[in-house]
All heavy atoms as atom14 arrays in JSON, in Angstrom:
{
  "sequence": "VEISFVHSNSNAGNPLTDVHEGLIGETELHFSDSYDLTAIDCLFMCS",
  "atom14_mask": [
    [1, 1, 1, 1, 1, 1, 1, 0, 0, 0, 0, 0, 0, 0],
    [1, 1, 1, 1, 1, 1, 1, 1, 1, 0, 0, 0, 0, 0],
    [1, 1, 1, 1, 1, 1, 1, 1, 0, 0, 0, 0, 0, 0],
    [1, 1, 1, 1, 1, 1, 0, 0, 0, 0, 0, 0, 0, 0],
    [1, 1, 1, 1, 1, 1, 1, 1, 1, 1, 1, 0, 0, 0],
    [1, 1, 1, 1, 1, 1, 1, 0, 0, 0, 0, 0, 0, 0],
    [1, 1, 1, 1, 1, 1, 1, 1, 1, 1, 0, 0, 0, 0],
    [1, 1, 1, 1, 1, 1, 0, 0, 0, 0, 0, 0, 0, 0],
    [1, 1, 1, 1, 1, 1, 1, 1, 0, 0, 0, 0, 0, 0],
    [1, 1, 1, 1, 1, 1, 0, 0, 0, 0, 0, 0, 0, 0],
    [1, 1, 1, 1, 1, 1, 1, 1, 0, 0, 0, 0, 0, 0],
    [1, 1, 1, 1, 1, 0, 0, 0, 0, 0, 0, 0, 0, 0],
    [1, 1, 1, 1, 0, 0, 0, 0, 0, 0, 0, 0, 0, 0],
    [1, 1, 1, 1, 1, 1, 1, 1, 0, 0, 0, 0, 0, 0],
    [1, 1, 1, 1, 1, 1, 1, 0, 0, 0, 0, 0, 0, 0],
    [1, 1, 1, 1, 1, 1, 1, 1, 0, 0, 0, 0, 0, 0],
    [1, 1, 1, 1, 1, 1, 1, 0, 0, 0, 0, 0, 0, 0],
    [1, 1, 1, 1, 1, 1, 1, 1, 0, 0, 0, 0, 0, 0],
    [1, 1, 1, 1, 1, 1, 1, 0, 0, 0, 0, 0, 0, 0],
    [1, 1, 1, 1, 1, 1, 1, 1, 1, 1, 0, 0, 0, 0],
    [1, 1, 1, 1, 1, 1, 1, 1, 1, 0, 0, 0, 0, 0],
    [1, 1, 1, 1, 0, 0, 0, 0, 0, 0, 0, 0, 0, 0],
    [1, 1, 1, 1, 1, 1, 1, 1, 0, 0, 0, 0, 0, 0],
    [1, 1, 1, 1, 1, 1, 1, 1, 0, 0, 0, 0, 0, 0],
    [1, 1, 1, 1, 0, 0, 0, 0, 0, 0, 0, 0, 0, 0],
    [1, 1, 1, 1, 1, 1, 1, 1, 1, 0, 0, 0, 0, 0],
    [1, 1, 1, 1, 1, 1, 1, 0, 0, 0, 0, 0, 0, 0],
    [1, 1, 1, 1, 1, 1, 1, 1, 1, 0, 0, 0, 0, 0],
    [1, 1, 1, 1, 1, 1, 1, 1, 0, 0, 0, 0, 0, 0],
    [1, 1, 1, 1, 1, 1, 1, 1, 1, 1, 0, 0, 0, 0],
    [1, 1, 1, 1, 1, 1, 1, 1, 1, 1, 1, 0, 0, 0],
    [1, 1, 1, 1, 1, 1, 0, 0, 0, 0, 0, 0, 0, 0],
    [1, 1, 1, 1, 1, 1, 1, 1, 0, 0, 0, 0, 0, 0],
    [1, 1, 1, 1, 1, 1, 0, 0, 0, 0, 0, 0, 0, 0],
    [1, 1, 1, 1, 1, 1, 1, 1, 1, 1, 1, 1, 0, 0],
    [1, 1, 1, 1, 1, 1, 1, 1, 0, 0, 0, 0, 0, 0],
    [1, 1, 1, 1, 1, 1, 1, 1, 0, 0, 0, 0, 0, 0],
    [1, 1, 1, 1, 1, 1, 1, 0, 0, 0, 0, 0, 0, 0],
    [1, 1, 1, 1, 1, 0, 0, 0, 0, 0, 0, 0, 0, 0],
    [1, 1, 1, 1, 1, 1, 1, 1, 0, 0, 0, 0, 0, 0],
    [1, 1, 1, 1, 1, 1, 1, 1, 0, 0, 0, 0, 0, 0],
    [1, 1, 1, 1, 1, 1, 0, 0, 0, 0, 0, 0, 0, 0],
    [1, 1, 1, 1, 1, 1, 1, 1, 0, 0, 0, 0, 0, 0],
    [1, 1, 1, 1, 1, 1, 1, 1, 1, 1, 1, 0, 0, 0],
    [1, 1, 1, 1, 1, 1, 1, 1, 0, 0, 0, 0, 0, 0],
    [1, 1, 1, 1, 1, 1, 0, 0, 0, 0, 0, 0, 0, 0],
    [1, 1, 1, 1, 1, 1, 0, 0, 0, 0, 0, 0, 0, 0]
  ],
  "atom14_positions": [
    [[0.82, -1.21, 0.0], [0.0, 0.0, 0.0], [0.85, 1.26, 0.0], [1.85, 1.35, 0.71], [-0.93, 0.0, 1.24], [-1.59, 1.37, 1.43], [-2.0, -1.07, 1.09], [0.0, 0.0, 0.0], [0.0, 0.0, 0.0], [0.0, 0.0, 0.0], [0.0, 0.0, 0.0], [0.0, 0.0, 0.0], [0.0, 0.0, 0.0], [0.0, 0.0, 0.0]],
    [[0.41, 2.23, -0.79], [0.94, 3.6, -0.73], [-0.23, 4.54, -0.44], [-1.25, 4.49, -1.12], [1.6, 3.98, -2.07], [2.11, 5.41, -2.13], [2.63, 5.79, -3.5], [3.04, 4.88, -4.25], [2.62, 7.0, -3.81], [0.0, 0.0, 0.0], [0.0, 0.0, 0.0], [0.0, 0.0, 0.0], [0.0, 0.0, 0.0], [0.0, 0.0, 0.0]],
    [[-0.08, 5.39, 0.56], [-1.15, 6.32, 0.94], [-1.01, 7.59, 0.11], [0.01, 8.28, 0.17], [-1.11, 6.65, 2.44], [-1.26, 5.38, 3.27], [-2.2, 7.66, 2.8], [-1.05, 5.59, 4.76], [0.0, 0.0, 0.0], [0.0, 0.0, 0.0], [0.0, 0.0, 0.0], [0.0, 0.0, 0.0], [0.0, 0.0, 0.0], [0.0, 0.0, 0.0]],
    [[-2.04, 7.91, -0.67], [-1.99, 9.08, -1.55], [-2.5, 10.35, -0.86], [-1.95, 11.43, -1.07], [-2.83, 8.83, -2.81], [-2.27, 7.81, -3.6], [0.0, 0.0, 0.0], [0.0, 0.0, 0.0], [0.0, 0.0, 0.0], [0.0, 0.0, 0.0], [0.0, 0.0, 0.0], [0.0, 0.0, 0.0], [0.0, 0.0, 0.0], [0.0, 0.0, 0.0]],
    [[-3.56, 10.23, -0.08], [-4.06, 11.4, 0.65], [-4.84, 10.96, 1.88], [-5.38, 9.85, 1.94], [-4.94, 12.28, -0.24], [-6.2, 11.63, -0.74], [-7.34, 11.52, 0.07], [-6.27, 11.13, -2.03], [-8.5, 10.92, -0.4], [-7.43, 10.52, -2.5], [-8.55, 10.41, -1.68], [0.0, 0.0, 0.0], [0.0, 0.0, 0.0], [0.0, 0.0, 0.0]],
    [[-4.86, 11.85, 2.87], [-5.68, 11.69, 4.07], [-6.47, 12.98, 4.22], [-5.91, 14.03, 4.55], [-4.81, 11.42, 5.32], [-5.72, 11.21, 6.54], [-3.9, 10.22, 5.1], [0.0, 0.0, 0.0], [0.0, 0.0, 0.0], [0.0, 0.0, 0.0], [0.0, 0.0, 0.0], [0.0, 0.0, 0.0], [0.0, 0.0, 0.0], [0.0, 0.0, 0.0]],
    [[-7.76, 12.9, 3.97], [-8.58, 14.11, 3.89], [-9.16, 14.47, 5.25], [-9.69, 13.61, 5.98], [-9.72, 13.9, 2.89], [-10.61, 15.09, 2.75], [-11.78, 15.24, 3.47], [-10.49, 16.2, 1.98], [-12.34, 16.38, 3.14], [-11.59, 16.98, 2.24], [0.0, 0.0, 0.0], [0.0, 0.0, 0.0], [0.0, 0.0, 0.0], [0.0, 0.0, 0.0]],
    [[-9.07, 15.75, 5.61], [-9.71, 16.28, 6.8], [-9.86, 17.78, 6.64], [-8.85, 18.5, 6.58], [-8.9, 15.97, 8.06], [-9.43, 16.64, 9.18], [0.0, 0.0, 0.0], [0.0, 0.0, 0.0], [0.0, 0.0, 0.0], [0.0, 0.0, 0.0], [0.0, 0.0, 0.0], [0.0, 0.0, 0.0], [0.0, 0.0, 0.0], [0.0, 0.0, 0.0]],
    [[-11.09, 18.26, 6.55], [-11.31, 19.7, 6.39], [-10.77, 20.49, 7.57], [-10.16, 21.55, 7.41], [-12.81, 19.99, 6.22], [-13.32, 19.58, 4.86], [-12.63, 19.75, 3.84], [-14.54, 19.04, 4.8], [0.0, 0.0, 0.0], [0.0, 0.0, 0.0], [0.0, 0.0, 0.0], [0.0, 0.0, 0.0], [0.0, 0.0, 0.0], [0.0, 0.0, 0.0]],
    [[-10.98, 19.99, 8.78], [-10.6, 20.75, 9.98], [-9.1, 20.74, 10.25], [-8.61, 21.57, 11.01], [-11.35, 20.21, 11.2], [-11.05, 18.84, 11.4], [0.0, 0.0, 0.0], [0.0, 0.0, 0.0], [0.0, 0.0, 0.0], [0.0, 0.0, 0.0], [0.0, 0.0, 0.0], [0.0, 0.0, 0.0], [0.0, 0.0, 0.0], [0.0, 0.0, 0.0]],
    [[-8.37, 19.8, 9.64], [-6.93, 19.7, 9.89], [-6.09, 19.91, 8.65], [-4.88, 19.63, 8.67], [-6.61, 18.32, 10.47], [-7.18, 18.11, 11.85], [-6.65, 18.6, 12.85], [-8.3, 17.39, 11.94], [0.0, 0.0, 0.0], [0.0, 0.0, 0.0], [0.0, 0.0, 0.0], [0.0, 0.0, 0.0], [0.0, 0.0, 0.0], [0.0, 0.0, 0.0]],
    [[-6.68, 20.37, 7.58], [-5.98, 20.5, 6.3], [-4.68, 21.29, 6.45], [-4.64, 22.35, 7.07], [-6.88, 21.15, 5.28], [0.0, 0.0, 0.0], [0.0, 0.0, 0.0], [0.0, 0.0, 0.0], [0.0, 0.0, 0.0], [0.0, 0.0, 0.0], [0.0, 0.0, 0.0], [0.0, 0.0, 0.0], [0.0, 0.0, 0.0], [0.0, 0.0, 0.0]],
    [[-3.6, 20.73, 5.9], [-2.29, 21.36, 5.94], [-1.44, 20.97, 7.12], [-0.23, 21.18, 7.1], [0.0, 0.0, 0.0], [0.0, 0.0, 0.0], [0.0, 0.0, 0.0], [0.0, 0.0, 0.0], [0.0, 0.0, 0.0], [0.0, 0.0, 0.0], [0.0, 0.0, 0.0], [0.0, 0.0, 0.0], [0.0, 0.0, 0.0], [0.0, 0.0, 0.0]],
    [[-2.05, 20.4, 8.14], [-1.31, 20.02, 9.33], [-0.72, 18.61, 9.18], [-1.29, 17.76, 8.51], [-2.21, 20.04, 10.56], [-2.76, 21.42, 10.85], [-2.11, 22.43, 10.57], [-3.95, 21.47, 11.42], [0.0, 0.0, 0.0], [0.0, 0.0, 0.0], [0.0, 0.0, 0.0], [0.0, 0.0, 0.0], [0.0, 0.0, 0.0], [0.0, 0.0, 0.0]],
    [[0.41, 18.35, 9.82], [0.95, 16.98, 9.79], [-0.01, 15.99, 10.44], [-0.72, 16.33, 11.4], [2.24, 17.1, 10.62], [2.58, 18.55, 10.63], [1.27, 19.28, 10.57], [0.0, 0.0, 0.0], [0.0, 0.0, 0.0], [0.0, 0.0, 0.0], [0.0, 0.0, 0.0], [0.0, 0.0, 0.0], [0.0, 0.0, 0.0], [0.0, 0.0, 0.0]],
    [[-0.03, 14.77, 9.92], [-0.86, 13.74, 10.55], [-0.51, 13.56, 12.01], [-1.38, 13.28, 12.85], [-0.67, 12.4, 9.83], [-1.06, 12.27, 8.36], [-0.95, 10.82, 7.93], [-2.44, 12.81, 8.09], [0.0, 0.0, 0.0], [0.0, 0.0, 0.0], [0.0, 0.0, 0.0], [0.0, 0.0, 0.0], [0.0, 0.0, 0.0], [0.0, 0.0, 0.0]],
    [[0.76, 13.75, 12.34], [1.23, 13.52, 13.7], [0.74, 14.58, 14.68], [0.85, 14.39, 15.89], [2.76, 13.46, 13.74], [3.31, 14.61, 13.09], [3.26, 12.2, 13.03], [0.0, 0.0, 0.0], [0.0, 0.0, 0.0], [0.0, 0.0, 0.0], [0.0, 0.0, 0.0], [0.0, 0.0, 0.0], [0.0, 0.0, 0.0], [0.0, 0.0, 0.0]],
    [[0.16, 15.69, 14.19], [-0.46, 16.66, 15.1], [-1.68, 16.05, 15.77], [-2.02, 16.39, 16.91], [-0.87, 17.92, 14.34], [0.3, 18.86, 14.11], [1.44, 18.49, 14.48], [0.08, 19.96, 13.57], [0.0, 0.0, 0.0], [0.0, 0.0, 0.0], [0.0, 0.0, 0.0], [0.0, 0.0, 0.0], [0.0, 0.0, 0.0], [0.0, 0.0, 0.0]],
    [[-2.36, 15.15, 15.06], [-3.56, 14.5, 15.58], [-3.24, 13.09, 16.06], [-3.58, 12.7, 17.17], [-4.66, 14.45, 14.51], [-5.87, 13.64, 14.99], [-5.1, 15.86, 14.14], [0.0, 0.0, 0.0], [0.0, 0.0, 0.0], [0.0, 0.0, 0.0], [0.0, 0.0, 0.0], [0.0, 0.0, 0.0], [0.0, 0.0, 0.0], [0.0, 0.0, 0.0]],
    [[-2.56, 12.33, 15.21], [-2.23, 10.93, 15.53], [-0.77, 10.9, 16.03], [0.15, 10.54, 15.29], [-2.42, 10.06, 14.3], [-3.79, 10.14, 13.71], [-4.93, 9.82, 14.41], [-4.21, 10.55, 12.47], [-5.99, 9.99, 13.65], [-5.59, 10.44, 12.47], [0.0, 0.0, 0.0], [0.0, 0.0, 0.0], [0.0, 0.0, 0.0], [0.0, 0.0, 0.0]],
    [[-0.59, 11.28, 17.27], [0.75, 11.47, 17.8], [1.55, 10.17, 17.89], [2.79, 10.19, 17.92], [0.67, 12.16, 19.16], [0.09, 13.57, 19.08], [0.03, 14.25, 20.43], [0.46, 13.66, 21.43], [-0.44, 15.41, 20.47], [0.0, 0.0, 0.0], [0.0, 0.0, 0.0], [0.0, 0.0, 0.0], [0.0, 0.0, 0.0], [0.0, 0.0, 0.0]],
    [[0.86, 9.04, 17.92], [1.55, 7.76, 17.94], [2.28, 7.46, 16.64], [3.05, 6.5, 16.58], [0.0, 0.0, 0.0], [0.0, 0.0, 0.0], [0.0, 0.0, 0.0], [0.0, 0.0, 0.0], [0.0, 0.0, 0.0], [0.0, 0.0, 0.0], [0.0, 0.0, 0.0], [0.0, 0.0, 0.0], [0.0, 0.0, 0.0], [0.0, 0.0, 0.0]],
    [[2.05, 8.28, 15.61], [2.71, 8.06, 14.32], [3.98, 8.9, 14.15], [4.56, 8.94, 13.06], [1.74, 8.38, 13.17], [0.49, 7.51, 13.1], [-0.39, 7.94, 11.93], [0.86, 6.03, 12.96], [0.0, 0.0, 0.0], [0.0, 0.0, 0.0], [0.0, 0.0, 0.0], [0.0, 0.0, 0.0], [0.0, 0.0, 0.0], [0.0, 0.0, 0.0]],
    [[4.4, 9.58, 15.21], [5.64, 10.36, 15.14], [6.8, 9.44, 14.75], [6.98, 8.36, 15.34], [5.93, 11.05, 16.48], [4.9, 12.17, 16.74], [7.35, 11.62, 16.51], [5.01, 12.81, 18.11], [0.0, 0.0, 0.0], [0.0, 0.0, 0.0], [0.0, 0.0, 0.0], [0.0, 0.0, 0.0], [0.0, 0.0, 0.0], [0.0, 0.0, 0.0]],
    [[7.53, 9.83, 13.74], [8.63, 9.02, 13.24], [8.22, 8.0, 12.2], [9.08, 7.35, 11.61], [0.0, 0.0, 0.0], [0.0, 0.0, 0.0], [0.0, 0.0, 0.0], [0.0, 0.0, 0.0], [0.0, 0.0, 0.0], [0.0, 0.0, 0.0], [0.0, 0.0, 0.0], [0.0, 0.0, 0.0], [0.0, 0.0, 0.0], [0.0, 0.0, 0.0]],
    [[6.9, 7.87, 11.96], [6.4, 6.89, 11.0], [6.06, 7.51, 9.65], [6.07, 6.82, 8.63], [5.13, 6.2, 11.56], [5.32, 5.47, 12.88], [6.17, 4.24, 12.73], [6.12, 3.59, 11.67], [6.91, 3.93, 13.69], [0.0, 0.0, 0.0], [0.0, 0.0, 0.0], [0.0, 0.0, 0.0], [0.0, 0.0, 0.0], [0.0, 0.0, 0.0]],
    [[5.73, 8.81, 9.64], [5.25, 9.42, 8.4], [5.47, 10.93, 8.42], [5.49, 11.55, 9.49], [3.76, 9.13, 8.18], [3.32, 9.74, 6.96], [2.91, 9.68, 9.33], [0.0, 0.0, 0.0], [0.0, 0.0, 0.0], [0.0, 0.0, 0.0], [0.0, 0.0, 0.0], [0.0, 0.0, 0.0], [0.0, 0.0, 0.0], [0.0, 0.0, 0.0]],
    [[5.65, 11.49, 7.22], [5.73, 12.94, 7.04], [4.49, 13.48, 6.33], [4.45, 14.64, 5.94], [6.99, 13.3, 6.23], [8.3, 12.86, 6.87], [8.54, 13.54, 8.2], [8.18, 14.73, 8.34], [9.09, 12.88, 9.11], [0.0, 0.0, 0.0], [0.0, 0.0, 0.0], [0.0, 0.0, 0.0], [0.0, 0.0, 0.0], [0.0, 0.0, 0.0]],
    [[3.48, 12.64, 6.17], [2.27, 13.04, 5.46], [1.53, 14.15, 6.2], [1.57, 14.23, 7.43], [1.33, 11.85, 5.28], [1.72, 10.8, 4.23], [0.82, 9.58, 4.37], [1.6, 11.39, 2.82], [0.0, 0.0, 0.0], [0.0, 0.0, 0.0], [0.0, 0.0, 0.0], [0.0, 0.0, 0.0], [0.0, 0.0, 0.0], [0.0, 0.0, 0.0]],
    [[0.8, 14.98, 5.41], [-0.04, 16.03, 5.95], [-1.5, 15.77, 5.56], [-1.77, 15.13, 4.54], [0.38, 17.4, 5.41], [1.66, 17.92, 5.99], [2.86, 17.25, 5.86], [1.92, 19.05, 6.71], [3.81, 17.95, 6.47], [3.27, 19.04, 7.0], [0.0, 0.0, 0.0], [0.0, 0.0, 0.0], [0.0, 0.0, 0.0], [0.0, 0.0, 0.0]],
    [[-2.41, 16.27, 6.37], [-3.82, 16.23, 6.0], [-4.07, 17.13, 4.8], [-3.41, 18.15, 4.61], [-4.7, 16.72, 7.16], [-4.76, 15.79, 8.33], [-4.06, 16.08, 9.5], [-5.52, 14.62, 8.28], [-4.13, 15.24, 10.59], [-5.59, 13.77, 9.37], [-4.89, 14.07, 10.53], [0.0, 0.0, 0.0], [0.0, 0.0, 0.0], [0.0, 0.0, 0.0]],
    [[-5.05, 16.73, 3.99], [-5.4, 17.48, 2.78], [-6.86, 17.89, 2.82], [-7.69, 17.21, 3.42], [-5.14, 16.6, 1.55], [-5.63, 17.23, 0.38], [0.0, 0.0, 0.0], [0.0, 0.0, 0.0], [0.0, 0.0, 0.0], [0.0, 0.0, 0.0], [0.0, 0.0, 0.0], [0.0, 0.0, 0.0], [0.0, 0.0, 0.0], [0.0, 0.0, 0.0]],
    [[-7.17, 19.02, 2.18], [-8.58, 19.42, 2.04], [-9.09, 19.11, 0.63], [-10.2, 19.5, 0.26], [-8.77, 20.9, 2.35], [-7.96, 21.82, 1.43], [-7.21, 21.3, 0.57], [-8.06, 23.04, 1.58], [0.0, 0.0, 0.0], [0.0, 0.0, 0.0], [0.0, 0.0, 0.0], [0.0, 0.0, 0.0], [0.0, 0.0, 0.0], [0.0, 0.0, 0.0]],
    [[-8.28, 18.38, -0.15], [-8.69, 18.0, -1.5], [-8.38, 16.52, -1.71], [-7.67, 15.89, -0.93], [-7.96, 18.84, -2.56], [-6.56, 18.62, -2.47], [0.0, 0.0, 0.0], [0.0, 0.0, 0.0], [0.0, 0.0, 0.0], [0.0, 0.0, 0.0], [0.0, 0.0, 0.0], [0.0, 0.0, 0.0], [0.0, 0.0, 0.0], [0.0, 0.0, 0.0]],
    [[-8.94, 15.96, -2.79], [-8.72, 14.56, -3.09], [-8.96, 14.33, -4.58], [-9.76, 15.02, -5.21], [-9.65, 13.66, -2.26], [-11.08, 14.13, -2.21], [-11.99, 13.84, -3.22], [-11.52, 14.89, -1.13], [-13.29, 14.29, -3.17], [-12.83, 15.35, -1.07], [-13.7, 15.04, -2.09], [-15.0, 15.51, -2.05], [0.0, 0.0, 0.0], [0.0, 0.0, 0.0]],
    [[-8.23, 13.36, -5.12], [-8.4, 12.97, -6.52], [-8.76, 11.49, -6.53], [-7.89, 10.63, -6.37], [-7.12, 13.23, -7.3], [-7.25, 12.88, -8.78], [-8.35, 12.43, -9.19], [-6.26, 13.04, -9.51], [0.0, 0.0, 0.0], [0.0, 0.0, 0.0], [0.0, 0.0, 0.0], [0.0, 0.0, 0.0], [0.0, 0.0, 0.0], [0.0, 0.0, 0.0]],
    [[-10.03, 11.2, -6.72], [-10.5, 9.82, -6.68], [-10.03, 9.01, -7.88], [-10.01, 7.78, -7.84], [-12.02, 9.78, -6.6], [-12.66, 10.48, -5.4], [-14.18, 10.3, -5.42], [-12.09, 9.94, -4.08], [0.0, 0.0, 0.0], [0.0, 0.0, 0.0], [0.0, 0.0, 0.0], [0.0, 0.0, 0.0], [0.0, 0.0, 0.0], [0.0, 0.0, 0.0]],
    [[-9.62, 9.69, -8.95], [-9.15, 8.98, -10.14], [-7.7, 8.5, -9.99], [-7.24, 7.69, -10.78], [-9.23, 9.87, -11.39], [-8.32, 10.98, -11.25], [-10.65, 10.42, -11.58], [0.0, 0.0, 0.0], [0.0, 0.0, 0.0], [0.0, 0.0, 0.0], [0.0, 0.0, 0.0], [0.0, 0.0, 0.0], [0.0, 0.0, 0.0], [0.0, 0.0, 0.0]],
    [[-7.0, 8.98, -8.95], [-5.58, 8.67, -8.78], [-5.34, 7.54, -7.78], [-4.18, 7.22, -7.49], [-4.83, 9.92, -8.34], [0.0, 0.0, 0.0], [0.0, 0.0, 0.0], [0.0, 0.0, 0.0], [0.0, 0.0, 0.0], [0.0, 0.0, 0.0], [0.0, 0.0, 0.0], [0.0, 0.0, 0.0], [0.0, 0.0, 0.0], [0.0, 0.0, 0.0]],
    [[-6.41, 6.95, -7.25], [-6.25, 5.89, -6.24], [-7.01, 4.64, -6.67], [-7.89, 4.66, -7.54], [-6.74, 6.34, -4.85], [-8.21, 6.76, -4.9], [-5.87, 7.48, -4.32], [-8.81, 7.07, -3.54], [0.0, 0.0, 0.0], [0.0, 0.0, 0.0], [0.0, 0.0, 0.0], [0.0, 0.0, 0.0], [0.0, 0.0, 0.0], [0.0, 0.0, 0.0]],
    [[-6.66, 3.54, -6.02], [-7.31, 2.25, -6.29], [-8.36, 1.91, -5.25], [-9.3, 1.16, -5.52], [-6.26, 1.13, -6.31], [-5.15, 1.4, -7.31], [-5.45, 1.36, -8.52], [-4.01, 1.65, -6.89], [0.0, 0.0, 0.0], [0.0, 0.0, 0.0], [0.0, 0.0, 0.0], [0.0, 0.0, 0.0], [0.0, 0.0, 0.0], [0.0, 0.0, 0.0]],
    [[-8.18, 2.45, -4.03], [-9.09, 2.1, -2.93], [-9.31, 3.32, -2.05], [-8.36, 4.02, -1.7], [-8.49, 0.96, -2.11], [-9.56, 0.36, -0.77], [0.0, 0.0, 0.0], [0.0, 0.0, 0.0], [0.0, 0.0, 0.0], [0.0, 0.0, 0.0], [0.0, 0.0, 0.0], [0.0, 0.0, 0.0], [0.0, 0.0, 0.0], [0.0, 0.0, 0.0]],
    [[-10.57, 3.56, -1.69], [-10.93, 4.68, -0.81], [-11.53, 4.13, 0.47], [-12.48, 3.35, 0.45], [-11.94, 5.59, -1.5], [-12.39, 6.81, -0.68], [-11.24, 7.8, -0.52], [-13.6, 7.48, -1.33], [0.0, 0.0, 0.0], [0.0, 0.0, 0.0], [0.0, 0.0, 0.0], [0.0, 0.0, 0.0], [0.0, 0.0, 0.0], [0.0, 0.0, 0.0]],
    [[-10.96, 4.56, 1.61], [-11.52, 4.23, 2.92], [-12.34, 5.41, 3.41], [-11.84, 6.54, 3.46], [-10.41, 3.92, 3.92], [-9.69, 2.63, 3.67], [-8.54, 2.61, 2.88], [-10.13, 1.45, 4.23], [-7.86, 1.42, 2.66], [-9.45, 0.25, 4.01], [-8.32, 0.24, 3.22], [0.0, 0.0, 0.0], [0.0, 0.0, 0.0], [0.0, 0.0, 0.0]],
    [[-13.58, 5.13, 3.8], [-14.48, 6.16, 4.31], [-14.54, 6.03, 5.83], [-15.08, 5.05, 6.35], [-15.88, 5.99, 3.72], [-15.94, 5.88, 2.21], [-15.62, 7.44, 1.38], [-17.1, 8.36, 1.81], [0.0, 0.0, 0.0], [0.0, 0.0, 0.0], [0.0, 0.0, 0.0], [0.0, 0.0, 0.0], [0.0, 0.0, 0.0], [0.0, 0.0, 0.0]],
    [[-13.98, 7.01, 6.55], [-13.9, 6.94, 8.02], [-14.66, 8.06, 8.7], [-14.44, 8.33, 9.89], [-12.44, 6.99, 8.45], [-11.45, 5.58, 7.91], [0.0, 0.0, 0.0], [0.0, 0.0, 0.0], [0.0, 0.0, 0.0], [0.0, 0.0, 0.0], [0.0, 0.0, 0.0], [0.0, 0.0, 0.0], [0.0, 0.0, 0.0], [0.0, 0.0, 0.0]],
    [[-15.56, 8.72, 7.98], [-16.34, 9.8, 8.57], [-17.49, 9.23, 9.39], [-17.73, 8.03, 9.4], [-16.87, 10.72, 7.48], [-15.81, 11.29, 6.74], [0.0, 0.0, 0.0], [0.0, 0.0, 0.0], [0.0, 0.0, 0.0], [0.0, 0.0, 0.0], [0.0, 0.0, 0.0], [0.0, 0.0, 0.0], [0.0, 0.0, 0.0], [0.0, 0.0, 0.0]]
  ]
}
């Protein structure tokens, strides 16, 4: 698996580790306020 985006309107632009602090050192990904459904193979809906 490769993670393309993690969408969150309220956290857009912030590092994932600002919210999920247990991931410190695991990822440099940031939350996004946009998404491209044509660029991924699988979408997880966690709302």
